[in-house]
Amino acid sequence: PVNGDELTARISAVLDRALEGGGARPKV
């Protein structure tokens, strides 16, 4: 990534897919 917004989006996308257990979602 080249900036903070892209880094945030990339980490969020992976954690959202990995932690699909219902309830709250990770905040990055």
PDB file of all heavy atoms in Angstrom:
ATOM      1  N   PRO A   1       0.828  -1.219   0.000  1.00  0.00           N
ATOM      2  CA  PRO A   1       0.000   0.000   0.000  1.00  0.00           C
ATOM      3  C   PRO A   1       0.857   1.262   0.000  1.00  0.00           C
ATOM      4  O   PRO A   1       1.997   1.263   0.484  1.00  0.00           O
ATOM      5  CB  PRO A   1      -0.801  -0.119   1.297  1.00  0.00           C
ATOM      6  CG  PRO A   1      -0.783  -1.574   1.623  1.00  0.00           C
ATOM      7  CD  PRO A   1       0.527  -2.091   1.146  1.00  0.00           C
ATOM      8  N   VAL A   2       0.266   2.354  -0.508  1.00  0.00           N
ATOM      9  CA  VAL A   2       1.009   3.612  -0.607  1.00  0.00           C
ATOM     10  C   VAL A   2       0.503   4.662   0.372  1.00  0.00           C
ATOM     11  O   VAL A   2       1.119   5.720   0.518  1.00  0.00           O
ATOM     12  CB  VAL A   2       0.958   4.168  -2.050  1.00  0.00           C
ATOM     13  CG1 VAL A   2       1.643   3.204  -3.012  1.00  0.00           C
ATOM     14  CG2 VAL A   2      -0.488   4.428  -2.480  1.00  0.00           C
ATOM     15  N   ASN A   3      -0.648   4.404   1.055  1.00  0.00           N
ATOM     16  CA  ASN A   3      -1.148   5.374   2.025  1.00  0.00           C
ATOM     17  C   ASN A   3      -1.987   4.662   3.084  1.00  0.00           C
ATOM     18  O   ASN A   3      -2.293   3.469   2.967  1.00  0.00           O
ATOM     19  CB  ASN A   3      -1.961   6.478   1.336  1.00  0.00           C
ATOM     20  CG  ASN A   3      -3.119   5.931   0.524  1.00  0.00           C
ATOM     21  OD1 ASN A   3      -3.937   5.150   1.016  1.00  0.00           O
ATOM     22  ND2 ASN A   3      -3.201   6.324  -0.749  1.00  0.00           N
ATOM     23  N   GLY A   4      -2.356   5.417   4.122  1.00  0.00           N
ATOM     24  CA  GLY A   4      -3.085   4.839   5.235  1.00  0.00           C
ATOM     25  C   GLY A   4      -4.460   4.320   4.877  1.00  0.00           C
ATOM     26  O   GLY A   4      -4.911   3.303   5.416  1.00  0.00           O
ATOM     27  N   ASP A   5      -5.155   5.007   3.976  1.00  0.00           N
ATOM     28  CA  ASP A   5      -6.493   4.558   3.585  1.00  0.00           C
ATOM     29  C   ASP A   5      -6.442   3.198   2.906  1.00  0.00           C
ATOM     30  O   ASP A   5      -7.281   2.322   3.168  1.00  0.00           O
ATOM     31  CB  ASP A   5      -7.136   5.583   2.650  1.00  0.00           C
ATOM     32  CG  ASP A   5      -7.527   6.869   3.366  1.00  0.00           C
ATOM     33  OD1 ASP A   5      -7.614   6.840   4.612  1.00  0.00           O
ATOM     34  OD2 ASP A   5      -7.740   7.887   2.683  1.00  0.00           O
ATOM     35  N   GLU A   6      -5.467   3.021   2.026  1.00  0.00           N
ATOM     36  CA  GLU A   6      -5.337   1.735   1.334  1.00  0.00           C
ATOM     37  C   GLU A   6      -4.942   0.633   2.314  1.00  0.00           C
ATOM     38  O   GLU A   6      -5.472  -0.485   2.260  1.00  0.00           O
ATOM     39  CB  GLU A   6      -4.303   1.823   0.214  1.00  0.00           C
ATOM     40  CG  GLU A   6      -4.192   0.529  -0.581  1.00  0.00           C
ATOM     41  CD  GLU A   6      -3.112   0.562  -1.655  1.00  0.00           C
ATOM     42  OE1 GLU A   6      -2.469   1.631  -1.834  1.00  0.00           O
ATOM     43  OE2 GLU A   6      -2.905  -0.485  -2.299  1.00  0.00           O
ATOM     44  N   LEU A   7      -4.027   0.949   3.237  1.00  0.00           N
ATOM     45  CA  LEU A   7      -3.609  -0.035   4.235  1.00  0.00           C
ATOM     46  C   LEU A   7      -4.790  -0.445   5.106  1.00  0.00           C
ATOM     47  O   LEU A   7      -5.005  -1.642   5.380  1.00  0.00           O
ATOM     48  CB  LEU A   7      -2.487   0.553   5.095  1.00  0.00           C
ATOM     49  CG  LEU A   7      -1.876  -0.357   6.161  1.00  0.00           C
ATOM     50  CD1 LEU A   7      -1.274  -1.612   5.547  1.00  0.00           C
ATOM     51  CD2 LEU A   7      -0.819   0.404   6.966  1.00  0.00           C
ATOM     52  N   THR A   8      -5.593   0.526   5.527  1.00  0.00           N
ATOM     53  CA  THR A   8      -6.789   0.235   6.333  1.00  0.00           C
ATOM     54  C   THR A   8      -7.747  -0.682   5.587  1.00  0.00           C
ATOM     55  O   THR A   8      -8.248  -1.677   6.142  1.00  0.00           O
ATOM     56  CB  THR A   8      -7.512   1.545   6.703  1.00  0.00           C
ATOM     57  OG1 THR A   8      -6.641   2.363   7.493  1.00  0.00           O
ATOM     58  CG2 THR A   8      -8.785   1.273   7.488  1.00  0.00           C
ATOM     59  N   ALA A   9      -8.010  -0.355   4.327  1.00  0.00           N
ATOM     60  CA  ALA A   9      -8.965  -1.129   3.528  1.00  0.00           C
ATOM     61  C   ALA A   9      -8.487  -2.561   3.318  1.00  0.00           C
ATOM     62  O   ALA A   9      -9.278  -3.514   3.382  1.00  0.00           O
ATOM     63  CB  ALA A   9      -9.200  -0.435   2.190  1.00  0.00           C
ATOM     64  N   ARG A  10      -7.189  -2.727   3.065  1.00  0.00           N
ATOM     65  CA  ARG A  10      -6.652  -4.062   2.786  1.00  0.00           C
ATOM     66  C   ARG A  10      -6.722  -4.957   4.025  1.00  0.00           C
ATOM     67  O   ARG A  10      -7.131  -6.124   3.949  1.00  0.00           O
ATOM     68  CB  ARG A  10      -5.209  -3.933   2.292  1.00  0.00           C
ATOM     69  CG  ARG A  10      -5.039  -3.207   0.950  1.00  0.00           C
ATOM     70  CD  ARG A  10      -5.153  -4.156  -0.222  1.00  0.00           C
ATOM     71  NE  ARG A  10      -4.082  -5.127  -0.225  1.00  0.00           N
ATOM     72  CZ  ARG A  10      -2.840  -4.900  -0.716  1.00  0.00           C
ATOM     73  NH1 ARG A  10      -2.540  -3.701  -1.218  1.00  0.00           N
ATOM     74  NH2 ARG A  10      -1.929  -5.848  -0.704  1.00  0.00           N
ATOM     75  N   ILE A  11      -6.306  -4.428   5.174  1.00  0.00           N
ATOM     76  CA  ILE A  11      -6.355  -5.226   6.400  1.00  0.00           C
ATOM     77  C   ILE A  11      -7.797  -5.546   6.774  1.00  0.00           C
ATOM     78  O   ILE A  11      -8.131  -6.686   7.128  1.00  0.00           O
ATOM     79  CB  ILE A  11      -5.644  -4.495   7.555  1.00  0.00           C
ATOM     80  CG1 ILE A  11      -4.158  -4.315   7.246  1.00  0.00           C
ATOM     81  CG2 ILE A  11      -5.815  -5.270   8.863  1.00  0.00           C
ATOM     82  CD1 ILE A  11      -3.414  -3.458   8.262  1.00  0.00           C
ATOM     83  N   SER A  12      -8.682  -4.549   6.655  1.00  0.00           N
ATOM     84  CA  SER A  12     -10.100  -4.746   6.994  1.00  0.00           C
ATOM     85  C   SER A  12     -10.720  -5.842   6.142  1.00  0.00           C
ATOM     86  O   SER A  12     -11.469  -6.695   6.646  1.00  0.00           O
ATOM     87  CB  SER A  12     -10.875  -3.443   6.798  1.00  0.00           C
ATOM     88  OG  SER A  12     -10.452  -2.450   7.696  1.00  0.00           O
ATOM     89  N   ALA A  13     -10.436  -5.840   4.845  1.00  0.00           N
ATOM     90  CA  ALA A  13     -11.032  -6.815   3.933  1.00  0.00           C
ATOM     91  C   ALA A  13     -10.635  -8.244   4.298  1.00  0.00           C
ATOM     92  O   ALA A  13     -11.466  -9.156   4.300  1.00  0.00           O
ATOM     93  CB  ALA A  13     -10.634  -6.497   2.496  1.00  0.00           C
ATOM     94  N   VAL A  14      -9.349  -8.440   4.634  1.00  0.00           N
ATOM     95  CA  VAL A  14      -8.887  -9.785   4.974  1.00  0.00           C
ATOM     96  C   VAL A  14      -9.497 -10.246   6.300  1.00  0.00           C
ATOM     97  O   VAL A  14      -9.961 -11.381   6.428  1.00  0.00           O
ATOM     98  CB  VAL A  14      -7.346  -9.837   5.047  1.00  0.00           C
ATOM     99  CG1 VAL A  14      -6.883 -11.222   5.504  1.00  0.00           C
ATOM    100  CG2 VAL A  14      -6.739  -9.515   3.698  1.00  0.00           C
ATOM    101  N   LEU A  15      -9.505  -9.367   7.302  1.00  0.00           N
ATOM    102  CA  LEU A  15     -10.063  -9.753   8.600  1.00  0.00           C
ATOM    103  C   LEU A  15     -11.560 -10.007   8.520  1.00  0.00           C
ATOM    104  O   LEU A  15     -12.083 -10.904   9.192  1.00  0.00           O
ATOM    105  CB  LEU A  15      -9.755  -8.677   9.640  1.00  0.00           C
ATOM    106  CG  LEU A  15      -8.280  -8.489  10.008  1.00  0.00           C
ATOM    107  CD1 LEU A  15      -8.132  -7.431  11.089  1.00  0.00           C
ATOM    108  CD2 LEU A  15      -7.657  -9.803  10.467  1.00  0.00           C
ATOM    109  N   ASP A  16     -12.269  -9.226   7.705  1.00  0.00           N
ATOM    110  CA  ASP A  16     -13.708  -9.452   7.537  1.00  0.00           C
ATOM    111  C   ASP A  16     -13.985 -10.847   6.979  1.00  0.00           C
ATOM    112  O   ASP A  16     -14.913 -11.532   7.406  1.00  0.00           O
ATOM    113  CB  ASP A  16     -14.309  -8.394   6.607  1.00  0.00           C
ATOM    114  CG  ASP A  16     -14.641  -7.105   7.337  1.00  0.00           C
ATOM    115  OD1 ASP A  16     -14.709  -7.123   8.575  1.00  0.00           O
ATOM    116  OD2 ASP A  16     -14.823  -6.072   6.676  1.00  0.00           O
ATOM    117  N   ARG A  17     -13.175 -11.267   6.001  1.00  0.00           N
ATOM    118  CA  ARG A  17     -13.364 -12.602   5.414  1.00  0.00           C
ATOM    119  C   ARG A  17     -12.967 -13.699   6.396  1.00  0.00           C
ATOM    120  O   ARG A  17     -13.594 -14.752   6.461  1.00  0.00           O
ATOM    121  CB  ARG A  17     -12.546 -12.738   4.130  1.00  0.00           C
ATOM    122  CG  ARG A  17     -13.066 -11.912   2.960  1.00  0.00           C
ATOM    123  CD  ARG A  17     -12.412 -12.345   1.658  1.00  0.00           C
ATOM    124  NE  ARG A  17     -10.973 -12.173   1.682  1.00  0.00           N
ATOM    125  CZ  ARG A  17     -10.335 -11.067   1.295  1.00  0.00           C
ATOM    126  NH1 ARG A  17     -11.042 -10.030   0.860  1.00  0.00           N
ATOM    127  NH2 ARG A  17      -9.014 -10.991   1.334  1.00  0.00           N
ATOM    128  N   ALA A  18     -11.889 -13.457   7.171  1.00  0.00           N
ATOM    129  CA  ALA A  18     -11.363 -14.497   8.055  1.00  0.00           C
ATOM    130  C   ALA A  18     -12.211 -14.688   9.302  1.00  0.00           C
ATOM    131  O   ALA A  18     -12.237 -15.777   9.877  1.00  0.00           O
ATOM    132  CB  ALA A  18      -9.933 -14.149   8.457  1.00  0.00           C
ATOM    133  N   LEU A  19     -12.908 -13.625   9.726  1.00  0.00           N
ATOM    134  CA  LEU A  19     -13.658 -13.671  10.986  1.00  0.00           C
ATOM    135  C   LEU A  19     -15.149 -13.518  10.733  1.00  0.00           C
ATOM    136  O   LEU A  19     -15.819 -12.674  11.323  1.00  0.00           O
ATOM    137  CB  LEU A  19     -13.156 -12.571  11.929  1.00  0.00           C
ATOM    138  CG  LEU A  19     -11.678 -12.668  12.317  1.00  0.00           C
ATOM    139  CD1 LEU A  19     -11.223 -11.421  13.062  1.00  0.00           C
ATOM    140  CD2 LEU A  19     -11.424 -13.911  13.174  1.00  0.00           C
ATOM    141  N   GLU A  20     -15.668 -14.363   9.853  1.00  0.00           N
ATOM    142  CA  GLU A  20     -17.096 -14.326   9.539  1.00  0.00           C
ATOM    143  C   GLU A  20     -17.872 -15.185  10.529  1.00  0.00           C
ATOM    144  O   GLU A  20     -18.482 -16.181  10.174  1.00  0.00           O
ATOM    145  CB  GLU A  20     -17.328 -14.825   8.109  1.00  0.00           C
ATOM    146  CG  GLU A  20     -16.798 -13.877   7.048  1.00  0.00           C
ATOM    147  CD  GLU A  20     -17.058 -14.398   5.643  1.00  0.00           C
ATOM    148  OE1 GLU A  20     -17.082 -15.629   5.450  1.00  0.00           O
ATOM    149  OE2 GLU A  20     -17.233 -13.569   4.738  1.00  0.00           O
ATOM    150  N   GLY A  21     -17.847 -14.792  11.792  1.00  0.00           N
ATOM    151  CA  GLY A  21     -18.532 -15.581  12.808  1.00  0.00           C
ATOM    152  C   GLY A  21     -19.820 -14.955  13.295  1.00  0.00           C
ATOM    153  O   GLY A  21     -20.412 -15.415  14.263  1.00  0.00           O
ATOM    154  N   GLY A  22     -20.262 -13.897  12.626  1.00  0.00           N
ATOM    155  CA  GLY A  22     -21.454 -13.191  13.091  1.00  0.00           C
ATOM    156  C   GLY A  22     -21.086 -12.166  14.148  1.00  0.00           C
ATOM    157  O   GLY A  22     -19.983 -12.123  14.659  1.00  0.00           O
ATOM    158  N   GLY A  23     -22.024 -11.309  14.498  1.00  0.00           N
ATOM    159  CA  GLY A  23     -21.765 -10.293  15.510  1.00  0.00           C
ATOM    160  C   GLY A  23     -20.983  -9.129  14.953  1.00  0.00           C
ATOM    161  O   GLY A  23     -21.102  -8.768  13.775  1.00  0.00           O
ATOM    162  N   ALA A  24     -20.149  -8.528  15.800  1.00  0.00           N
ATOM    163  CA  ALA A  24     -19.394  -7.342  15.409  1.00  0.00           C
ATOM    164  C   ALA A  24     -18.336  -7.680  14.367  1.00  0.00           C
ATOM    165  O   ALA A  24     -17.942  -8.837  14.201  1.00  0.00           O
ATOM    166  CB  ALA A  24     -18.742  -6.723  16.642  1.00  0.00           C
ATOM    167  N   ARG A  25     -17.906  -6.644  13.654  1.00  0.00           N
ATOM    168  CA  ARG A  25     -16.848  -6.795  12.668  1.00  0.00           C
ATOM    169  C   ARG A  25     -15.587  -6.104  13.186  1.00  0.00           C
ATOM    170  O   ARG A  25     -15.655  -5.153  13.961  1.00  0.00           O
ATOM    171  CB  ARG A  25     -17.256  -6.154  11.321  1.00  0.00           C
ATOM    172  CG  ARG A  25     -18.598  -6.592  10.788  1.00  0.00           C
ATOM    173  CD  ARG A  25     -18.735  -8.105  10.688  1.00  0.00           C
ATOM    174  NE  ARG A  25     -17.649  -8.712   9.952  1.00  0.00           N
ATOM    175  CZ  ARG A  25     -17.131  -9.909  10.238  1.00  0.00           C
ATOM    176  NH1 ARG A  25     -17.581 -10.600  11.265  1.00  0.00           N
ATOM    177  NH2 ARG A  25     -16.155 -10.406   9.502  1.00  0.00           N
ATOM    178  N   PRO A  26     -14.412  -6.539  12.772  1.00  0.00           N
ATOM    179  CA  PRO A  26     -13.179  -5.873  13.194  1.00  0.00           C
ATOM    180  C   PRO A  26     -13.157  -4.415  12.725  1.00  0.00           C
ATOM    181  O   PRO A  26     -13.651  -4.094  11.647  1.00  0.00           O
ATOM    182  CB  PRO A  26     -12.080  -6.680  12.493  1.00  0.00           C
ATOM    183  CG  PRO A  26     -12.702  -8.006  12.188  1.00  0.00           C
ATOM    184  CD  PRO A  26     -14.150  -7.722  11.923  1.00  0.00           C
ATOM    185  N   LYS A  27     -12.574  -3.547  13.555  1.00  0.00           N
ATOM    186  CA  LYS A  27     -12.406  -2.136  13.209  1.00  0.00           C
ATOM    187  C   LYS A  27     -10.915  -1.856  13.048  1.00  0.00           C
ATOM    188  O   LYS A  27     -10.131  -2.137  13.964  1.00  0.00           O
ATOM    189  CB  LYS A  27     -13.009  -1.236  14.289  1.00  0.00           C
ATOM    190  CG  LYS A  27     -14.503  -1.426  14.508  1.00  0.00           C
ATOM    191  CD  LYS A  27     -15.003  -0.509  15.619  1.00  0.00           C
ATOM    192  CE  LYS A  27     -16.496  -0.681  15.860  1.00  0.00           C
ATOM    193  NZ  LYS A  27     -16.804  -2.020  16.409  1.00  0.00           N
ATOM    194  N   VAL A  28     -10.545  -1.316  11.909  1.00  0.00           N
ATOM    195  CA  VAL A  28      -9.139  -1.087  11.590  1.00  0.00           C
ATOM    196  C   VAL A  28      -8.928   0.387  11.271  1.00  0.00           C
ATOM    197  O   VAL A  28      -9.733   0.995  10.561  1.00  0.00           O
ATOM    198  CB  VAL A  28      -8.684  -1.954  10.393  1.00  0.00           C
ATOM    199  CG1 VAL A  28      -7.209  -1.713  10.079  1.00  0.00           C
ATOM    200  CG2 VAL A  28      -8.936  -3.430  10.673  1.00  0.00           C
TER     201      VAL A  28
END
